[in-house]
Amino acid sequence: MATETWIDELKAGRAKEALDHLRQEPPSPSNFISLGAAYMWTGDFRSALAHFQEQIQAALPSNHPGDLSFGMAGSAAWCLGDSKLAIKYWRKGTKPGYAVGGANTRTSLLLYVAAVQNPEAFSMRAAEELLTEKASHWRVRHWPGPIAEFILGTASEEAVREKAVYKSTKMRSYKKNPMSWQLDFYKLLKTVASGNIESCVLEKEFQALLNVRGSEYLDGSNFFYFLRLEEFYLARQWSSHRACE
């Protein structure tokens, strides 16, 4: 029998074993992010925040914080109820030294989430202005940039969904993947922002979106990337505090 990886353990619900396994992995930027994402997955937001704060404050050349680190740190803070700290990290994440494609739209999109969930923490006007700025950059064609265009109405859902695919042969066959989940999340959030959805309908939609266990979203390599979706943790936390009246 092949030795189980931390991904197998985490997917099977053996969080302690997965975390212990990850802590013993050779130090690398990828393993560092994976450990922080695993904390998020298990709901240990305090450990996740401390983990990413350590990276951001140290800013070591061998493990320099990028937009994902700021995105995760802000998301952990948001889930702990510290909206000010979350906004601080997400703002910093809009102009990091390193970003994964998308014209640095990762944390700009998270600020849009904040504007929808808590307008007092961040205004919708500021969020849309930031997305407009990012959408004007040529790199916006890289994921998750197209989502910004969808929110702003400059790209159709169909056009963006065509881009929500992985180019590798191994993952191209998945119809449901982390990117398509992300688009579905922002599609629902855009509906929330418009005010055209009833509370109970919204909660049912969120529950359907959050019910990923045993789904194609977590199959194979999908799970590795799904763990890195800050939006999943924000949606899970928001739904847990909502009541269908």
C-alpha atoms as a PDB file:
ATOM      1  CA  MET A   1       0.000   0.000   0.000  1.00  0.00           C
ATOM      2  CA  ALA A   2       1.373   3.411  -0.957  1.00  0.00           C
ATOM      3  CA  THR A   3       2.132   5.860   1.855  1.00  0.00           C
ATOM      4  CA  GLU A   4      -0.686   8.343   2.307  1.00  0.00           C
ATOM      5  CA  THR A   5       0.073  11.978   1.617  1.00  0.00           C
ATOM      6  CA  TRP A   6      -1.088  14.892   3.760  1.00  0.00           C
ATOM      7  CA  ILE A   7      -3.718  15.557   1.095  1.00  0.00           C
ATOM      8  CA  ASP A   8      -5.149  12.035   1.515  1.00  0.00           C
ATOM      9  CA  GLU A   9      -5.221  12.488   5.283  1.00  0.00           C
ATOM     10  CA  LEU A  10      -6.854  15.903   5.165  1.00  0.00           C
ATOM     11  CA  LYS A  11      -9.448  14.774   2.642  1.00  0.00           C
ATOM     12  CA  ALA A  12     -10.268  11.787   4.875  1.00  0.00           C
ATOM     13  CA  GLY A  13     -10.865  14.087   7.842  1.00  0.00           C
ATOM     14  CA  ARG A  14      -7.684  13.159   9.712  1.00  0.00           C
ATOM     15  CA  ALA A  15      -6.682  16.751  10.346  1.00  0.00           C
ATOM     16  CA  LYS A  16      -4.120  16.124  13.093  1.00  0.00           C
ATOM     17  CA  GLU A  17      -2.241  13.583  10.990  1.00  0.00           C
ATOM     18  CA  ALA A  18      -2.321  15.875   7.953  1.00  0.00           C
ATOM     19  CA  LEU A  19      -1.005  18.852   9.905  1.00  0.00           C
ATOM     20  CA  ASP A  20       1.739  16.768  11.555  1.00  0.00           C
ATOM     21  CA  HIS A  21       2.665  15.427   8.135  1.00  0.00           C
ATOM     22  CA  LEU A  22       2.870  18.926   6.653  1.00  0.00           C
ATOM     23  CA  ARG A  23       5.017  20.232   9.504  1.00  0.00           C
ATOM     24  CA  GLN A  24       7.553  17.512   8.699  1.00  0.00           C
ATOM     25  CA  GLU A  25       7.676  18.314   4.989  1.00  0.00           C
ATOM     26  CA  PRO A  26      10.868  19.955   3.628  1.00  0.00           C
ATOM     27  CA  PRO A  27      10.595  23.769   3.886  1.00  0.00           C
ATOM     28  CA  SER A  28       9.421  25.367   0.654  1.00  0.00           C
ATOM     29  CA  PRO A  29       7.021  28.184  -0.324  1.00  0.00           C
ATOM     30  CA  SER A  30       4.475  25.614  -1.546  1.00  0.00           C
ATOM     31  CA  ASN A  31       4.563  23.555   1.654  1.00  0.00           C
ATOM     32  CA  PHE A  32       4.340  26.743   3.724  1.00  0.00           C
ATOM     33  CA  ILE A  33       1.178  27.820   1.895  1.00  0.00           C
ATOM     34  CA  SER A  34      -0.244  24.296   2.139  1.00  0.00           C
ATOM     35  CA  LEU A  35       0.146  24.244   5.931  1.00  0.00           C
ATOM     36  CA  GLY A  36      -1.593  27.601   6.257  1.00  0.00           C
ATOM     37  CA  ALA A  37      -4.360  26.493   3.891  1.00  0.00           C
ATOM     38  CA  ALA A  38      -4.790  23.300   5.920  1.00  0.00           C
ATOM     39  CA  TYR A  39      -5.289  25.410   9.052  1.00  0.00           C
ATOM     40  CA  MET A  40      -7.990  27.329   7.165  1.00  0.00           C
ATOM     41  CA  TRP A  41      -9.655  24.108   5.980  1.00  0.00           C
ATOM     42  CA  THR A  42      -9.884  22.786   9.545  1.00  0.00           C
ATOM     43  CA  GLY A  43     -11.271  26.100  10.826  1.00  0.00           C
ATOM     44  CA  ASP A  44      -8.194  26.935  12.904  1.00  0.00           C
ATOM     45  CA  PHE A  45      -8.150  30.567  11.827  1.00  0.00           C
ATOM     46  CA  ARG A  46      -5.924  31.738  14.682  1.00  0.00           C
ATOM     47  CA  SER A  47      -3.140  29.368  13.668  1.00  0.00           C
ATOM     48  CA  ALA A  48      -3.634  30.325  10.013  1.00  0.00           C
ATOM     49  CA  LEU A  49      -3.385  34.040  10.816  1.00  0.00           C
ATOM     50  CA  ALA A  50      -0.247  33.569  12.930  1.00  0.00           C
ATOM     51  CA  HIS A  51       1.250  31.393  10.193  1.00  0.00           C
ATOM     52  CA  PHE A  52       0.804  33.916   7.387  1.00  0.00           C
ATOM     53  CA  GLN A  53       1.622  36.911   9.590  1.00  0.00           C
ATOM     54  CA  GLU A  54       4.973  35.303  10.343  1.00  0.00           C
ATOM     55  CA  GLN A  55       5.714  35.044   6.617  1.00  0.00           C
ATOM     56  CA  ILE A  56       4.579  38.608   5.886  1.00  0.00           C
ATOM     57  CA  GLN A  57       6.582  40.108   8.740  1.00  0.00           C
ATOM     58  CA  ALA A  58       9.743  38.112   7.976  1.00  0.00           C
ATOM     59  CA  ALA A  59       9.576  38.753   4.206  1.00  0.00           C
ATOM     60  CA  LEU A  60      12.438  36.333   3.598  1.00  0.00           C
ATOM     61  CA  PRO A  61      13.718  36.160  -0.014  1.00  0.00           C
ATOM     62  CA  SER A  62      13.343  32.372   0.090  1.00  0.00           C
ATOM     63  CA  ASN A  63       9.674  32.652   1.068  1.00  0.00           C
ATOM     64  CA  HIS A  64       8.545  36.125   0.046  1.00  0.00           C
ATOM     65  CA  PRO A  65       4.859  36.906   0.752  1.00  0.00           C
ATOM     66  CA  GLY A  66       2.724  37.251  -2.357  1.00  0.00           C
ATOM     67  CA  ASP A  67      -0.913  38.015  -3.021  1.00  0.00           C
ATOM     68  CA  LEU A  68      -1.932  34.552  -1.775  1.00  0.00           C
ATOM     69  CA  SER A  69      -0.245  35.137   1.600  1.00  0.00           C
ATOM     70  CA  PHE A  70      -1.980  38.501   2.046  1.00  0.00           C
ATOM     71  CA  GLY A  71      -5.236  36.965   0.823  1.00  0.00           C
ATOM     72  CA  MET A  72      -5.061  34.114   3.330  1.00  0.00           C
ATOM     73  CA  ALA A  73      -3.950  36.329   6.229  1.00  0.00           C
ATOM     74  CA  GLY A  74      -6.839  38.705   5.564  1.00  0.00           C
ATOM     75  CA  SER A  75      -9.307  35.836   5.224  1.00  0.00           C
ATOM     76  CA  ALA A  76      -8.206  34.317   8.536  1.00  0.00           C
ATOM     77  CA  ALA A  77      -8.628  37.722  10.197  1.00  0.00           C
ATOM     78  CA  TRP A  78     -12.064  38.171   8.590  1.00  0.00           C
ATOM     79  CA  CYS A  79     -13.210  34.765   9.815  1.00  0.00           C
ATOM     80  CA  LEU A  80     -12.050  35.760  13.312  1.00  0.00           C
ATOM     81  CA  GLY A  81     -14.208  38.889  13.117  1.00  0.00           C
ATOM     82  CA  ASP A  82     -11.338  41.357  12.686  1.00  0.00           C
ATOM     83  CA  SER A  83     -12.496  43.185   9.565  1.00  0.00           C
ATOM     84  CA  LYS A  84      -9.996  46.049   9.980  1.00  0.00           C
ATOM     85  CA  LEU A  85      -7.014  43.709   9.931  1.00  0.00           C
ATOM     86  CA  ALA A  86      -8.522  41.784   7.023  1.00  0.00           C
ATOM     87  CA  ILE A  87      -8.943  44.951   4.955  1.00  0.00           C
ATOM     88  CA  LYS A  88      -5.385  46.001   5.839  1.00  0.00           C
ATOM     89  CA  TYR A  89      -3.920  42.758   4.498  1.00  0.00           C
ATOM     90  CA  TRP A  90      -6.157  42.662   1.431  1.00  0.00           C
ATOM     91  CA  ARG A  91      -5.211  46.224   0.558  1.00  0.00           C
ATOM     92  CA  LYS A  92      -1.527  45.367   0.855  1.00  0.00           C
ATOM     93  CA  GLY A  93      -2.147  42.318  -1.298  1.00  0.00           C
ATOM     94  CA  THR A  94      -3.261  44.455  -4.232  1.00  0.00           C
ATOM     95  CA  LYS A  95       0.351  45.509  -4.759  1.00  0.00           C
ATOM     96  CA  PRO A  96       2.603  42.707  -3.514  1.00  0.00           C
ATOM     97  CA  GLY A  97       6.070  41.972  -4.808  1.00  0.00           C
ATOM     98  CA  TYR A  98       4.809  38.675  -6.173  1.00  0.00           C
ATOM     99  CA  ALA A  99       1.377  37.720  -7.492  1.00  0.00           C
ATOM    100  CA  VAL A 100      -0.179  34.781  -9.303  1.00  0.00           C
ATOM    101  CA  GLY A 101      -1.409  36.184 -12.629  1.00  0.00           C
ATOM    102  CA  GLY A 102      -4.629  38.104 -12.920  1.00  0.00           C
ATOM    103  CA  ALA A 103      -3.082  41.612 -12.621  1.00  0.00           C
ATOM    104  CA  ASN A 104      -3.086  41.185  -8.805  1.00  0.00           C
ATOM    105  CA  THR A 105      -6.867  40.828  -8.771  1.00  0.00           C
ATOM    106  CA  ARG A 106      -6.847  38.150  -6.067  1.00  0.00           C
ATOM    107  CA  THR A 107      -7.171  40.432  -3.047  1.00  0.00           C
ATOM    108  CA  SER A 108      -9.077  43.064  -5.020  1.00  0.00           C
ATOM    109  CA  LEU A 109     -11.799  40.448  -5.430  1.00  0.00           C
ATOM    110  CA  LEU A 110     -11.683  39.723  -1.698  1.00  0.00           C
ATOM    111  CA  LEU A 111     -12.282  43.408  -1.038  1.00  0.00           C
ATOM    112  CA  TYR A 112     -15.370  43.102  -3.229  1.00  0.00           C
ATOM    113  CA  VAL A 113     -16.497  40.225  -0.996  1.00  0.00           C
ATOM    114  CA  ALA A 114     -16.009  42.516   2.004  1.00  0.00           C
ATOM    115  CA  ALA A 115     -18.084  45.240   0.338  1.00  0.00           C
ATOM    116  CA  VAL A 116     -20.965  42.818  -0.200  1.00  0.00           C
ATOM    117  CA  GLN A 117     -20.810  41.149   3.205  1.00  0.00           C
ATOM    118  CA  ASN A 118     -20.046  44.242   5.276  1.00  0.00           C
ATOM    119  CA  PRO A 119     -20.341  47.598   3.429  1.00  0.00           C
ATOM    120  CA  GLU A 120     -19.274  49.421   6.582  1.00  0.00           C
ATOM    121  CA  ALA A 121     -15.903  47.693   6.444  1.00  0.00           C
ATOM    122  CA  PHE A 122     -15.290  48.504   2.771  1.00  0.00           C
ATOM    123  CA  SER A 123     -17.500  50.422   0.379  1.00  0.00           C
ATOM    124  CA  MET A 124     -18.856  48.972  -2.845  1.00  0.00           C
ATOM    125  CA  ARG A 125     -17.746  52.084  -4.707  1.00  0.00           C
ATOM    126  CA  ALA A 126     -14.135  51.600  -3.585  1.00  0.00           C
ATOM    127  CA  ALA A 127     -14.283  47.894  -4.465  1.00  0.00           C
ATOM    128  CA  GLU A 128     -15.605  48.542  -7.970  1.00  0.00           C
ATOM    129  CA  GLU A 129     -13.069  51.308  -8.579  1.00  0.00           C
ATOM    130  CA  LEU A 130     -10.265  48.946  -7.621  1.00  0.00           C
ATOM    131  CA  LEU A 131     -11.616  46.185  -9.876  1.00  0.00           C
ATOM    132  CA  THR A 132     -11.930  48.685 -12.736  1.00  0.00           C
ATOM    133  CA  GLU A 133      -8.300  49.668 -12.259  1.00  0.00           C
ATOM    134  CA  LYS A 134      -7.189  46.035 -12.269  1.00  0.00           C
ATOM    135  CA  ALA A 135      -9.365  45.193 -15.286  1.00  0.00           C
ATOM    136  CA  SER A 136      -7.547  47.825 -17.340  1.00  0.00           C
ATOM    137  CA  HIS A 137      -4.290  45.876 -17.051  1.00  0.00           C
ATOM    138  CA  TRP A 138      -3.364  43.449 -19.836  1.00  0.00           C
ATOM    139  CA  ARG A 139      -2.727  40.683 -17.293  1.00  0.00           C
ATOM    140  CA  VAL A 140      -6.402  40.644 -16.355  1.00  0.00           C
ATOM    141  CA  ARG A 141      -6.843  37.844 -18.875  1.00  0.00           C
ATOM    142  CA  HIS A 142      -5.054  35.559 -16.410  1.00  0.00           C
ATOM    143  CA  TRP A 143      -7.171  33.911 -13.732  1.00  0.00           C
ATOM    144  CA  PRO A 144      -8.804  35.176 -11.548  1.00  0.00           C
ATOM    145  CA  GLY A 145      -8.754  38.392 -13.572  1.00  0.00           C
ATOM    146  CA  PRO A 146     -11.711  37.445 -15.798  1.00  0.00           C
ATOM    147  CA  ILE A 147     -13.931  37.347 -12.700  1.00  0.00           C
ATOM    148  CA  ALA A 148     -13.313  41.078 -12.229  1.00  0.00           C
ATOM    149  CA  GLU A 149     -14.560  41.646 -15.781  1.00  0.00           C
ATOM    150  CA  PHE A 150     -17.647  39.525 -15.038  1.00  0.00           C
ATOM    151  CA  ILE A 151     -18.451  41.547 -11.907  1.00  0.00           C
ATOM    152  CA  LEU A 152     -18.035  44.809 -13.808  1.00  0.00           C
ATOM    153  CA  GLY A 153     -20.232  43.559 -16.651  1.00  0.00           C
ATOM    154  CA  THR A 154     -17.523  43.790 -19.320  1.00  0.00           C
ATOM    155  CA  ALA A 155     -17.422  40.022 -19.842  1.00  0.00           C
ATOM    156  CA  SER A 156     -20.278  37.532 -20.003  1.00  0.00           C
ATOM    157  CA  GLU A 157     -20.612  34.551 -17.700  1.00  0.00           C
ATOM    158  CA  GLU A 158     -20.186  32.243 -20.700  1.00  0.00           C
ATOM    159  CA  ALA A 159     -16.943  33.920 -21.768  1.00  0.00           C
ATOM    160  CA  VAL A 160     -15.498  33.758 -18.261  1.00  0.00           C
ATOM    161  CA  ARG A 161     -16.614  30.158 -17.733  1.00  0.00           C
ATOM    162  CA  GLU A 162     -14.663  29.146 -20.824  1.00  0.00           C
ATOM    163  CA  LYS A 163     -11.562  30.462 -19.086  1.00  0.00           C
ATOM    164  CA  ALA A 164     -12.306  28.632 -15.834  1.00  0.00           C
ATOM    165  CA  VAL A 165     -10.396  25.544 -16.914  1.00  0.00           C
ATOM    166  CA  TYR A 166      -6.951  24.171 -16.228  1.00  0.00           C
ATOM    167  CA  LYS A 167      -4.678  23.836 -19.228  1.00  0.00           C
ATOM    168  CA  SER A 168      -2.892  20.694 -18.083  1.00  0.00           C
ATOM    169  CA  THR A 169      -4.115  17.495 -19.736  1.00  0.00           C
ATOM    170  CA  LYS A 170      -4.544  15.788 -16.362  1.00  0.00           C
ATOM    171  CA  MET A 171      -7.017  18.401 -15.027  1.00  0.00           C
ATOM    172  CA  ARG A 172      -8.703  19.546 -18.217  1.00  0.00           C
ATOM    173  CA  SER A 173     -11.302  16.759 -17.977  1.00  0.00           C
ATOM    174  CA  TYR A 174     -12.837  18.145 -14.772  1.00  0.00           C
ATOM    175  CA  LYS A 175     -16.049  20.056 -15.473  1.00  0.00           C
ATOM    176  CA  LYS A 176     -16.105  21.196 -11.851  1.00  0.00           C
ATOM    177  CA  ASN A 177     -12.858  22.612 -10.557  1.00  0.00           C
ATOM    178  CA  PRO A 178     -11.719  25.305  -8.094  1.00  0.00           C
ATOM    179  CA  MET A 179     -11.912  28.020 -10.760  1.00  0.00           C
ATOM    180  CA  SER A 180     -15.475  27.152 -11.778  1.00  0.00           C
ATOM    181  CA  TRP A 181     -16.447  27.095  -8.072  1.00  0.00           C
ATOM    182  CA  GLN A 182     -14.892  30.534  -7.678  1.00  0.00           C
ATOM    183  CA  LEU A 183     -16.920  31.872 -10.595  1.00  0.00           C
ATOM    184  CA  ASP A 184     -20.138  30.385  -9.172  1.00  0.00           C
ATOM    185  CA  PHE A 185     -19.365  32.058  -5.841  1.00  0.00           C
ATOM    186  CA  TYR A 186     -18.950  35.487  -7.406  1.00  0.00           C
ATOM    187  CA  LYS A 187     -22.025  34.948  -9.565  1.00  0.00           C
ATOM    188  CA  LEU A 188     -24.021  34.399  -6.377  1.00  0.00           C
ATOM    189  CA  LEU A 189     -22.314  37.327  -4.662  1.00  0.00           C
ATOM    190  CA  LYS A 190     -23.153  39.590  -7.597  1.00  0.00           C
ATOM    191  CA  THR A 191     -26.798  38.583  -7.203  1.00  0.00           C
ATOM    192  CA  VAL A 192     -26.591  39.411  -3.485  1.00  0.00           C
ATOM    193  CA  ALA A 193     -25.155  42.841  -4.329  1.00  0.00           C
ATOM    194  CA  SER A 194     -28.076  43.516  -6.670  1.00  0.00           C
ATOM    195  CA  GLY A 195     -30.562  42.734  -3.908  1.00  0.00           C
ATOM    196  CA  ASN A 196     -32.504  40.394  -6.188  1.00  0.00           C
ATOM    197  CA  ILE A 197     -32.528  37.323  -3.976  1.00  0.00           C
ATOM    198  CA  GLU A 198     -34.572  36.349  -0.924  1.00  0.00           C
ATOM    199  CA  SER A 199     -32.830  35.379   2.310  1.00  0.00           C
ATOM    200  CA  CYS A 200     -33.934  31.729   2.323  1.00  0.00           C
ATOM    201  CA  VAL A 201     -33.112  31.269  -1.355  1.00  0.00           C
ATOM    202  CA  LEU A 202     -29.691  32.809  -0.742  1.00  0.00           C
ATOM    203  CA  GLU A 203     -28.984  30.446   2.141  1.00  0.00           C
ATOM    204  CA  LYS A 204     -29.973  27.410   0.072  1.00  0.00           C
ATOM    205  CA  GLU A 205     -27.704  28.575  -2.752  1.00  0.00           C
ATOM    206  CA  PHE A 206     -24.808  29.027  -0.353  1.00  0.00           C
ATOM    207  CA  GLN A 207     -25.348  25.610   1.212  1.00  0.00           C
ATOM    208  CA  ALA A 208     -25.354  23.996  -2.232  1.00  0.00           C
ATOM    209  CA  LEU A 209     -22.130  25.824  -3.089  1.00  0.00           C
ATOM    210  CA  LEU A 210     -20.466  24.829   0.178  1.00  0.00           C
ATOM    211  CA  ASN A 211     -21.448  21.169  -0.102  1.00  0.00           C
ATOM    212  CA  VAL A 212     -18.250  20.057  -1.851  1.00  0.00           C
ATOM    213  CA  ARG A 213     -17.378  16.971   0.167  1.00  0.00           C
ATOM    214  CA  GLY A 214     -17.202  13.947  -2.127  1.00  0.00           C
ATOM    215  CA  SER A 215     -17.636  16.158  -5.196  1.00  0.00           C
ATOM    216  CA  GLU A 216     -15.538  16.550  -8.324  1.00  0.00           C
ATOM    217  CA  TYR A 217     -14.285  19.846  -6.906  1.00  0.00           C
ATOM    218  CA  LEU A 218     -12.031  17.834  -4.593  1.00  0.00           C
ATOM    219  CA  ASP A 219     -11.031  15.041  -6.972  1.00  0.00           C
ATOM    220  CA  GLY A 220      -7.387  14.429  -7.736  1.00  0.00           C
ATOM    221  CA  SER A 221      -5.259  17.568  -7.944  1.00  0.00           C
ATOM    222  CA  ASN A 222      -8.363  19.748  -7.585  1.00  0.00           C
ATOM    223  CA  PHE A 223      -8.197  19.444  -3.794  1.00  0.00           C
ATOM    224  CA  PHE A 224      -4.688  20.926  -3.651  1.00  0.00           C
ATOM    225  CA  TYR A 225      -5.917  24.067  -5.438  1.00  0.00           C
ATOM    226  CA  PHE A 226      -9.311  24.182  -3.733  1.00  0.00           C
ATOM    227  CA  LEU A 227      -7.609  24.518  -0.344  1.00  0.00           C
ATOM    228  CA  ARG A 228      -6.147  27.782  -1.611  1.00  0.00           C
ATOM    229  CA  LEU A 229      -9.534  29.391  -2.326  1.00  0.00           C
ATOM    230  CA  GLU A 230      -9.975  32.124   0.274  1.00  0.00           C
ATOM    231  CA  GLU A 231     -13.548  32.604  -0.948  1.00  0.00           C
ATOM    232  CA  PHE A 232     -14.556  29.146   0.278  1.00  0.00           C
ATOM    233  CA  TYR A 233     -13.649  30.029   3.867  1.00  0.00           C
ATOM    234  CA  LEU A 234     -15.342  33.416   3.649  1.00  0.00           C
ATOM    235  CA  ALA A 235     -18.501  31.807   2.266  1.00  0.00           C
ATOM    236  CA  ARG A 236     -18.471  29.100   4.924  1.00  0.00           C
ATOM    237  CA  GLN A 237     -18.045  31.641   7.706  1.00  0.00           C
ATOM    238  CA  TRP A 238     -20.729  33.954   6.333  1.00  0.00           C
ATOM    239  CA  SER A 239     -23.217  31.123   5.916  1.00  0.00           C
ATOM    240  CA  SER A 240     -22.609  29.929   9.476  1.00  0.00           C
ATOM    241  CA  HIS A 241     -23.739  33.332  10.771  1.00  0.00           C
ATOM    242  CA  ARG A 242     -26.856  33.592   8.629  1.00  0.00           C
ATOM    243  CA  ALA A 243     -30.334  32.413   9.537  1.00  0.00           C
ATOM    244  CA  CYS A 244     -33.132  31.636   7.120  1.00  0.00           C
ATOM    245  CA  GLU A 245     -36.193  33.428   8.387  1.00  0.00           C
END
